[in-house]
PDB file of N, CA and C in Angstrom:
ATOM      1  N   UNK A   1       3.878 -24.840  15.201  1.00  0.00           N
ATOM      2  CA  UNK A   1       3.279 -23.535  15.105  1.00  0.00           C
ATOM      3  C   UNK A   1       4.173 -22.504  15.768  1.00  0.00           C
ATOM      4  N   UNK A   2       4.344 -21.394  15.073  1.00  0.00           N
ATOM      5  CA  UNK A   2       5.090 -20.285  15.643  1.00  0.00           C
ATOM      6  C   UNK A   2       4.146 -19.358  16.379  1.00  0.00           C
ATOM      7  N   UNK A   3       4.673 -18.212  16.729  1.00  0.00           N
ATOM      8  CA  UNK A   3       3.788 -17.249  17.381  1.00  0.00           C
ATOM      9  C   UNK A   3       2.994 -16.518  16.304  1.00  0.00           C
ATOM     10  N   UNK A   4       1.876 -15.970  16.697  1.00  0.00           N
ATOM     11  CA  UNK A   4       1.025 -15.269  15.748  1.00  0.00           C
ATOM     12  C   UNK A   4       1.341 -13.785  15.746  1.00  0.00           C
ATOM     13  N   UNK A   5       1.330 -13.202  14.552  1.00  0.00           N
ATOM     14  CA  UNK A   5       1.633 -11.797  14.359  1.00  0.00           C
ATOM     15  C   UNK A   5       0.421 -11.077  13.781  1.00  0.00           C
ATOM     16  N   UNK A   6       0.268  -9.819  14.153  1.00  0.00           N
ATOM     17  CA  UNK A   6      -0.755  -8.992  13.528  1.00  0.00           C
ATOM     18  C   UNK A   6      -0.302  -8.696  12.102  1.00  0.00           C
ATOM     19  N   UNK A   7      -1.176  -8.134  11.314  1.00  0.00           N
ATOM     20  CA  UNK A   7      -0.817  -7.793   9.939  1.00  0.00           C
ATOM     21  C   UNK A   7       0.305  -6.759   9.926  1.00  0.00           C
ATOM     22  N   UNK A   8       0.275  -5.832  10.837  1.00  0.00           N
ATOM     23  CA  UNK A   8       1.333  -4.806  10.922  1.00  0.00           C
ATOM     24  C   UNK A   8       2.681  -5.455  11.242  1.00  0.00           C
ATOM     25  N   UNK A   9       2.702  -6.378  12.195  1.00  0.00           N
ATOM     26  CA  UNK A   9       3.939  -7.081  12.550  1.00  0.00           C
ATOM     27  C   UNK A   9       4.419  -7.963  11.401  1.00  0.00           C
ATOM     28  N   UNK A  10       3.478  -8.602  10.695  1.00  0.00           N
ATOM     29  CA  UNK A  10       3.837  -9.439   9.549  1.00  0.00           C
ATOM     30  C   UNK A  10       4.486  -8.586   8.460  1.00  0.00           C
ATOM     31  N   UNK A  11       3.951  -7.398   8.233  1.00  0.00           N
ATOM     32  CA  UNK A  11       4.514  -6.492   7.230  1.00  0.00           C
ATOM     33  C   UNK A  11       5.944  -6.103   7.599  1.00  0.00           C
ATOM     34  N   UNK A  12       6.174  -5.810   8.869  1.00  0.00           N
ATOM     35  CA  UNK A  12       7.521  -5.464   9.318  1.00  0.00           C
ATOM     36  C   UNK A  12       8.477  -6.639   9.140  1.00  0.00           C
ATOM     37  N   UNK A  13       8.016  -7.841   9.461  1.00  0.00           N
ATOM     38  CA  UNK A  13       8.843  -9.040   9.316  1.00  0.00           C
ATOM     39  C   UNK A  13       9.232  -9.274   7.862  1.00  0.00           C
ATOM     40  N   UNK A  14       8.280  -9.066   6.949  1.00  0.00           N
ATOM     41  CA  UNK A  14       8.523  -9.313   5.528  1.00  0.00           C
ATOM     42  C   UNK A  14       9.190  -8.135   4.824  1.00  0.00           C
ATOM     43  N   UNK A  15       9.213  -6.976   5.468  1.00  0.00           N
ATOM     44  CA  UNK A  15       9.824  -5.800   4.859  1.00  0.00           C
ATOM     45  C   UNK A  15       8.970  -5.173   3.774  1.00  0.00           C
ATOM     46  N   UNK A  16       7.652  -5.218   3.974  1.00  0.00           N
ATOM     47  CA  UNK A  16       6.724  -4.633   3.008  1.00  0.00           C
ATOM     48  C   UNK A  16       5.748  -3.733   3.757  1.00  0.00           C
ATOM     49  N   UNK A  17       4.923  -3.006   3.004  1.00  0.00           N
ATOM     50  CA  UNK A  17       3.898  -2.188   3.622  1.00  0.00           C
ATOM     51  C   UNK A  17       2.739  -3.070   4.078  1.00  0.00           C
ATOM     52  N   UNK A  18       1.994  -2.564   5.042  1.00  0.00           N
ATOM     53  CA  UNK A  18       0.875  -3.330   5.594  1.00  0.00           C
ATOM     54  C   UNK A  18      -0.146  -3.687   4.521  1.00  0.00           C
ATOM     55  N   UNK A  19      -0.432  -2.753   3.624  1.00  0.00           N
ATOM     56  CA  UNK A  19      -1.441  -3.045   2.590  1.00  0.00           C
ATOM     57  C   UNK A  19      -0.969  -4.142   1.643  1.00  0.00           C
ATOM     58  N   UNK A  20       0.352  -4.290   1.478  1.00  0.00           N
ATOM     59  CA  UNK A  20       0.886  -5.352   0.628  1.00  0.00           C
ATOM     60  C   UNK A  20       0.542  -6.720   1.203  1.00  0.00           C
ATOM     61  N   UNK A  21       0.576  -6.855   2.525  1.00  0.00           N
ATOM     62  CA  UNK A  21       0.198  -8.126   3.159  1.00  0.00           C
ATOM     63  C   UNK A  21      -1.254  -8.450   2.838  1.00  0.00           C
ATOM     64  N   UNK A  22      -2.125  -7.441   2.869  1.00  0.00           N
ATOM     65  CA  UNK A  22      -3.532  -7.673   2.510  1.00  0.00           C
ATOM     66  C   UNK A  22      -3.653  -8.119   1.047  1.00  0.00           C
ATOM     67  N   UNK A  23      -2.836  -7.551   0.160  1.00  0.00           N
ATOM     68  CA  UNK A  23      -2.844  -7.981  -1.244  1.00  0.00           C
ATOM     69  C   UNK A  23      -2.363  -9.429  -1.369  1.00  0.00           C
ATOM     70  N   UNK A  24      -1.302  -9.785  -0.634  1.00  0.00           N
ATOM     71  CA  UNK A  24      -0.810 -11.167  -0.657  1.00  0.00           C
ATOM     72  C   UNK A  24      -1.905 -12.136  -0.227  1.00  0.00           C
ATOM     73  N   UNK A  25      -2.649 -11.791   0.824  1.00  0.00           N
ATOM     74  CA  UNK A  25      -3.723 -12.664   1.311  1.00  0.00           C
ATOM     75  C   UNK A  25      -4.823 -12.772   0.256  1.00  0.00           C
ATOM     76  N   UNK A  26      -5.197 -11.638  -0.323  1.00  0.00           N
ATOM     77  CA  UNK A  26      -6.257 -11.618  -1.336  1.00  0.00           C
ATOM     78  C   UNK A  26      -5.879 -12.461  -2.552  1.00  0.00           C
ATOM     79  N   UNK A  27      -4.631 -12.382  -2.957  1.00  0.00           N
ATOM     80  CA  UNK A  27      -4.186 -13.036  -4.188  1.00  0.00           C
ATOM     81  C   UNK A  27      -3.523 -14.389  -3.959  1.00  0.00           C
ATOM     82  N   UNK A  28      -3.659 -14.980  -2.767  1.00  0.00           N
ATOM     83  CA  UNK A  28      -2.915 -16.205  -2.477  1.00  0.00           C
ATOM     84  C   UNK A  28      -3.398 -17.413  -3.266  1.00  0.00           C
ATOM     85  N   UNK A  29      -4.672 -17.466  -3.620  1.00  0.00           N
ATOM     86  CA  UNK A  29      -5.200 -18.580  -4.421  1.00  0.00           C
ATOM     87  C   UNK A  29      -5.174 -18.192  -5.893  1.00  0.00           C
ATOM     88  N   UNK A  30      -4.846 -19.150  -6.775  1.00  0.00           N
ATOM     89  CA  UNK A  30      -4.823 -18.825  -8.202  1.00  0.00           C
ATOM     90  C   UNK A  30      -6.214 -18.532  -8.755  1.00  0.00           C
ATOM     91  N   UNK A  31      -6.297 -17.453  -9.510  1.00  0.00           N
ATOM     92  CA  UNK A  31      -7.532 -17.097 -10.220  1.00  0.00           C
ATOM     93  C   UNK A  31      -7.116 -16.701 -11.623  1.00  0.00           C
ATOM     94  N   UNK A  32      -7.465 -17.526 -12.610  1.00  0.00           N
ATOM     95  CA  UNK A  32      -7.018 -17.207 -13.972  1.00  0.00           C
ATOM     96  C   UNK A  32      -7.365 -15.782 -14.351  1.00  0.00           C
ATOM     97  N   UNK A  33      -6.502 -15.074 -15.013  1.00  0.00           N
ATOM     98  CA  UNK A  33      -5.246 -15.511 -15.610  1.00  0.00           C
ATOM     99  C   UNK A  33      -4.052 -15.414 -14.669  1.00  0.00           C
ATOM    100  N   UNK A  34      -4.260 -15.042 -13.409  1.00  0.00           N
ATOM    101  CA  UNK A  34      -3.148 -14.880 -12.475  1.00  0.00           C
ATOM    102  C   UNK A  34      -2.832 -16.175 -11.763  1.00  0.00           C
ATOM    103  N   UNK A  35      -1.539 -16.337 -11.447  1.00  0.00           N
ATOM    104  CA  UNK A  35      -1.128 -17.434 -10.586  1.00  0.00           C
ATOM    105  C   UNK A  35      -1.272 -16.942  -9.154  1.00  0.00           C
ATOM    106  N   UNK A  36      -1.466 -17.823  -8.229  1.00  0.00           N
ATOM    107  CA  UNK A  36      -1.583 -17.421  -6.828  1.00  0.00           C
ATOM    108  C   UNK A  36      -0.220 -17.100  -6.236  1.00  0.00           C
ATOM    109  N   UNK A  37      -0.220 -16.354  -5.143  1.00  0.00           N
ATOM    110  CA  UNK A  37       1.026 -16.012  -4.469  1.00  0.00           C
ATOM    111  C   UNK A  37       1.506 -17.148  -3.580  1.00  0.00           C
ATOM    112  N   UNK A  38       0.613 -18.071  -3.233  1.00  0.00           N
ATOM    113  CA  UNK A  38       0.986 -19.156  -2.334  1.00  0.00           C
ATOM    114  C   UNK A  38       1.182 -18.676  -0.908  1.00  0.00           C
ATOM    115  N   UNK A  39       0.724 -17.468  -0.618  1.00  0.00           N
ATOM    116  CA  UNK A  39       0.888 -16.880   0.708  1.00  0.00           C
ATOM    117  C   UNK A  39       0.134 -17.707   1.741  1.00  0.00           C
ATOM    118  N   UNK A  40       0.722 -17.892   2.936  1.00  0.00           N
ATOM    119  CA  UNK A  40       0.058 -18.714   3.957  1.00  0.00           C
ATOM    120  C   UNK A  40      -1.298 -18.141   4.390  1.00  0.00           C
ATOM    121  N   UNK A  41      -2.227 -19.027   4.625  1.00  0.00           N
ATOM    122  CA  UNK A  41      -3.576 -18.646   5.074  1.00  0.00           C
ATOM    123  C   UNK A  41      -3.493 -18.108   6.503  1.00  0.00           C
ATOM    124  N   UNK A  42      -3.949 -16.881   6.726  1.00  0.00           N
ATOM    125  CA  UNK A  42      -3.956 -16.364   8.100  1.00  0.00           C
ATOM    126  C   UNK A  42      -5.132 -16.934   8.886  1.00  0.00           C
ATOM    127  N   UNK A  43      -4.981 -16.973  10.200  1.00  0.00           N
ATOM    128  CA  UNK A  43      -6.103 -17.336  11.071  1.00  0.00           C
ATOM    129  C   UNK A  43      -6.936 -16.074  11.255  1.00  0.00           C
ATOM    130  N   UNK A  44      -8.230 -16.235  11.305  1.00  0.00           N
ATOM    131  CA  UNK A  44      -9.103 -15.079  11.463  1.00  0.00           C
ATOM    132  C   UNK A  44      -9.843 -15.168  12.791  1.00  0.00           C
ATOM    133  N   UNK A  45      -9.755 -14.068  13.518  1.00  0.00           N
ATOM    134  CA  UNK A  45     -10.476 -13.926  14.774  1.00  0.00           C
ATOM    135  C   UNK A  45     -11.395 -12.736  14.582  1.00  0.00           C
ATOM    136  N   UNK A  46     -12.651 -13.013  14.217  1.00  0.00           N
ATOM    137  CA  UNK A  46     -13.538 -11.941  13.801  1.00  0.00           C
ATOM    138  C   UNK A  46     -13.010 -11.400  12.481  1.00  0.00           C
ATOM    139  N   UNK A  47     -12.744 -10.096  12.418  1.00  0.00           N
ATOM    140  CA  UNK A  47     -12.172  -9.501  11.203  1.00  0.00           C
ATOM    141  C   UNK A  47     -10.648  -9.407  11.260  1.00  0.00           C
ATOM    142  N   UNK A  48     -10.074  -9.764  12.399  1.00  0.00           N
ATOM    143  CA  UNK A  48      -8.633  -9.641  12.584  1.00  0.00           C
ATOM    144  C   UNK A  48      -7.910 -10.847  12.016  1.00  0.00           C
ATOM    145  N   UNK A  49      -6.902 -10.595  11.188  1.00  0.00           N
ATOM    146  CA  UNK A  49      -6.082 -11.669  10.641  1.00  0.00           C
ATOM    147  C   UNK A  49      -4.815 -11.794  11.472  1.00  0.00           C
ATOM    148  N   UNK A  50      -4.468 -13.022  11.843  1.00  0.00           N
ATOM    149  CA  UNK A  50      -3.244 -13.297  12.581  1.00  0.00           C
ATOM    150  C   UNK A  50      -2.419 -14.265  11.751  1.00  0.00           C
ATOM    151  N   UNK A  51      -1.138 -13.946  11.592  1.00  0.00           N
ATOM    152  CA  UNK A  51      -0.250 -14.688  10.706  1.00  0.00           C
ATOM    153  C   UNK A  51       0.765 -15.480  11.514  1.00  0.00           C
ATOM    154  N   UNK A  52       0.952 -16.745  11.164  1.00  0.00           N
ATOM    155  CA  UNK A  52       1.922 -17.599  11.829  1.00  0.00           C
ATOM    156  C   UNK A  52       3.326 -17.186  11.384  1.00  0.00           C
ATOM    157  N   UNK A  53       4.179 -16.858  12.347  1.00  0.00           N
ATOM    158  CA  UNK A  53       5.525 -16.365  12.046  1.00  0.00           C
ATOM    159  C   UNK A  53       6.357 -17.380  11.257  1.00  0.00           C
ATOM    160  N   UNK A  54       6.315 -18.648  11.654  1.00  0.00           N
ATOM    161  CA  UNK A  54       7.101 -19.681  10.961  1.00  0.00           C
ATOM    162  C   UNK A  54       6.649 -19.844   9.512  1.00  0.00           C
ATOM    163  N   UNK A  55       5.345 -19.811   9.286  1.00  0.00           N
ATOM    164  CA  UNK A  55       4.827 -19.945   7.923  1.00  0.00           C
ATOM    165  C   UNK A  55       5.260 -18.763   7.060  1.00  0.00           C
ATOM    166  N   UNK A  56       5.249 -17.560   7.649  1.00  0.00           N
ATOM    167  CA  UNK A  56       5.679 -16.373   6.898  1.00  0.00           C
ATOM    168  C   UNK A  56       7.157 -16.460   6.531  1.00  0.00           C
ATOM    169  N   UNK A  57       7.988 -16.891   7.480  1.00  0.00           N
ATOM    170  CA  UNK A  57       9.422 -17.000   7.212  1.00  0.00           C
ATOM    171  C   UNK A  57       9.698 -18.063   6.143  1.00  0.00           C
ATOM    172  N   UNK A  58       8.964 -19.164   6.196  1.00  0.00           N
ATOM    173  CA  UNK A  58       9.130 -20.212   5.177  1.00  0.00           C
ATOM    174  C   UNK A  58       8.705 -19.687   3.808  1.00  0.00           C
ATOM    175  N   UNK A  59       7.616 -18.924   3.752  1.00  0.00           N
ATOM    176  CA  UNK A  59       7.150 -18.352   2.488  1.00  0.00           C
ATOM    177  C   UNK A  59       8.176 -17.368   1.948  1.00  0.00           C
ATOM    178  N   UNK A  60       8.753 -16.546   2.820  1.00  0.00           N
ATOM    179  CA  UNK A  60       9.722 -15.533   2.401  1.00  0.00           C
ATOM    180  C   UNK A  60      10.975 -16.187   1.808  1.00  0.00           C
ATOM    181  N   UNK A  61      11.384 -17.345   2.322  1.00  0.00           N
ATOM    182  CA  UNK A  61      12.543 -18.054   1.767  1.00  0.00           C
ATOM    183  C   UNK A  61      12.330 -18.385   0.297  1.00  0.00           C
ATOM    184  N   UNK A  62      11.135 -18.789  -0.044  1.00  0.00           N
ATOM    185  CA  UNK A  62      10.822 -19.133  -1.429  1.00  0.00           C
ATOM    186  C   UNK A  62      10.439 -17.939  -2.286  1.00  0.00           C
ATOM    187  N   UNK A  63      10.230 -16.796  -1.646  1.00  0.00           N
ATOM    188  CA  UNK A  63       9.819 -15.582  -2.356  1.00  0.00           C
ATOM    189  C   UNK A  63      10.655 -14.402  -1.848  1.00  0.00           C
ATOM    190  N   UNK A  64      11.930 -14.357  -2.224  1.00  0.00           N
ATOM    191  CA  UNK A  64      12.785 -13.288  -1.705  1.00  0.00           C
ATOM    192  C   UNK A  64      12.323 -11.903  -2.166  1.00  0.00           C
ATOM    193  N   UNK A  65      12.609 -10.921  -1.334  1.00  0.00           N
ATOM    194  CA  UNK A  65      12.234  -9.543  -1.657  1.00  0.00           C
ATOM    195  C   UNK A  65      13.004  -9.083  -2.889  1.00  0.00           C
ATOM    196  N   UNK A  66      12.349  -8.264  -3.689  1.00  0.00           N
ATOM    197  CA  UNK A  66      13.012  -7.711  -4.873  1.00  0.00           C
ATOM    198  C   UNK A  66      14.034  -6.674  -4.452  1.00  0.00           C
ATOM    199  N   UNK A  67      15.108  -6.628  -5.198  1.00  0.00           N
ATOM    200  CA  UNK A  67      16.064  -5.552  -4.959  1.00  0.00           C
ATOM    201  C   UNK A  67      15.747  -4.440  -5.932  1.00  0.00           C
ATOM    202  N   UNK A  68      15.664  -3.269  -5.417  1.00  0.00           N
ATOM    203  CA  UNK A  68      15.324  -2.117  -6.251  1.00  0.00           C
ATOM    204  C   UNK A  68      16.599  -1.362  -6.593  1.00  0.00           C
ATOM    205  N   UNK A  69      16.697  -0.887  -7.841  1.00  0.00           N
ATOM    206  CA  UNK A  69      17.901  -0.135  -8.205  1.00  0.00           C
ATOM    207  C   UNK A  69      17.974   1.171  -7.422  1.00  0.00           C
ATOM    208  N   UNK A  70      19.177   1.533  -7.060  1.00  0.00           N
ATOM    209  CA  UNK A  70      19.366   2.776  -6.329  1.00  0.00           C
ATOM    210  C   UNK A  70      19.286   3.948  -7.306  1.00  0.00           C
ATOM    211  N   UNK A  71      18.630   5.023  -6.906  1.00  0.00           N
ATOM    212  CA  UNK A  71      18.564   6.196  -7.789  1.00  0.00           C
ATOM    213  C   UNK A  71      19.949   6.816  -7.950  1.00  0.00           C
ATOM    214  N   UNK A  72      20.230   7.361  -9.114  1.00  0.00           N
ATOM    215  CA  UNK A  72      21.553   7.967  -9.306  1.00  0.00           C
ATOM    216  C   UNK A  72      21.713   9.196  -8.395  1.00  0.00           C
ATOM    217  N   UNK A  73      22.931   9.403  -7.938  1.00  0.00           N
ATOM    218  CA  UNK A  73      23.205  10.562  -7.096  1.00  0.00           C
ATOM    219  C   UNK A  73      23.124  11.818  -7.924  1.00  0.00           C
ATOM    220  N   UNK A  74      22.451  12.816  -7.366  1.00  0.00           N
ATOM    221  CA  UNK A  74      22.359  14.092  -8.053  1.00  0.00           C
ATOM    222  C   UNK A  74      23.422  15.022  -7.484  1.00  0.00           C
ATOM    223  N   UNK A  75      24.181  15.631  -8.366  1.00  0.00           N
ATOM    224  CA  UNK A  75      25.223  16.562  -7.921  1.00  0.00           C
ATOM    225  C   UNK A  75      24.878  17.969  -8.297  1.00  0.00           C
TER     226      UNK A  75
END
């Protein structure tokens, strides 16, 4: 077990917005017609979700961040 991160810290670690982490958690289990994200199950303390750092890093290895095209320079 790694250390536990808040959702805000998990978002920073993964390089996404905080609300994206909530979407990953919501969509982690498959529900037809969608496939699940396979995102690690967070521990819940009341309403607070805490994410295991090692599990997040392992998930990120299998799900690399998308590269976005750079906007053309305006002259």
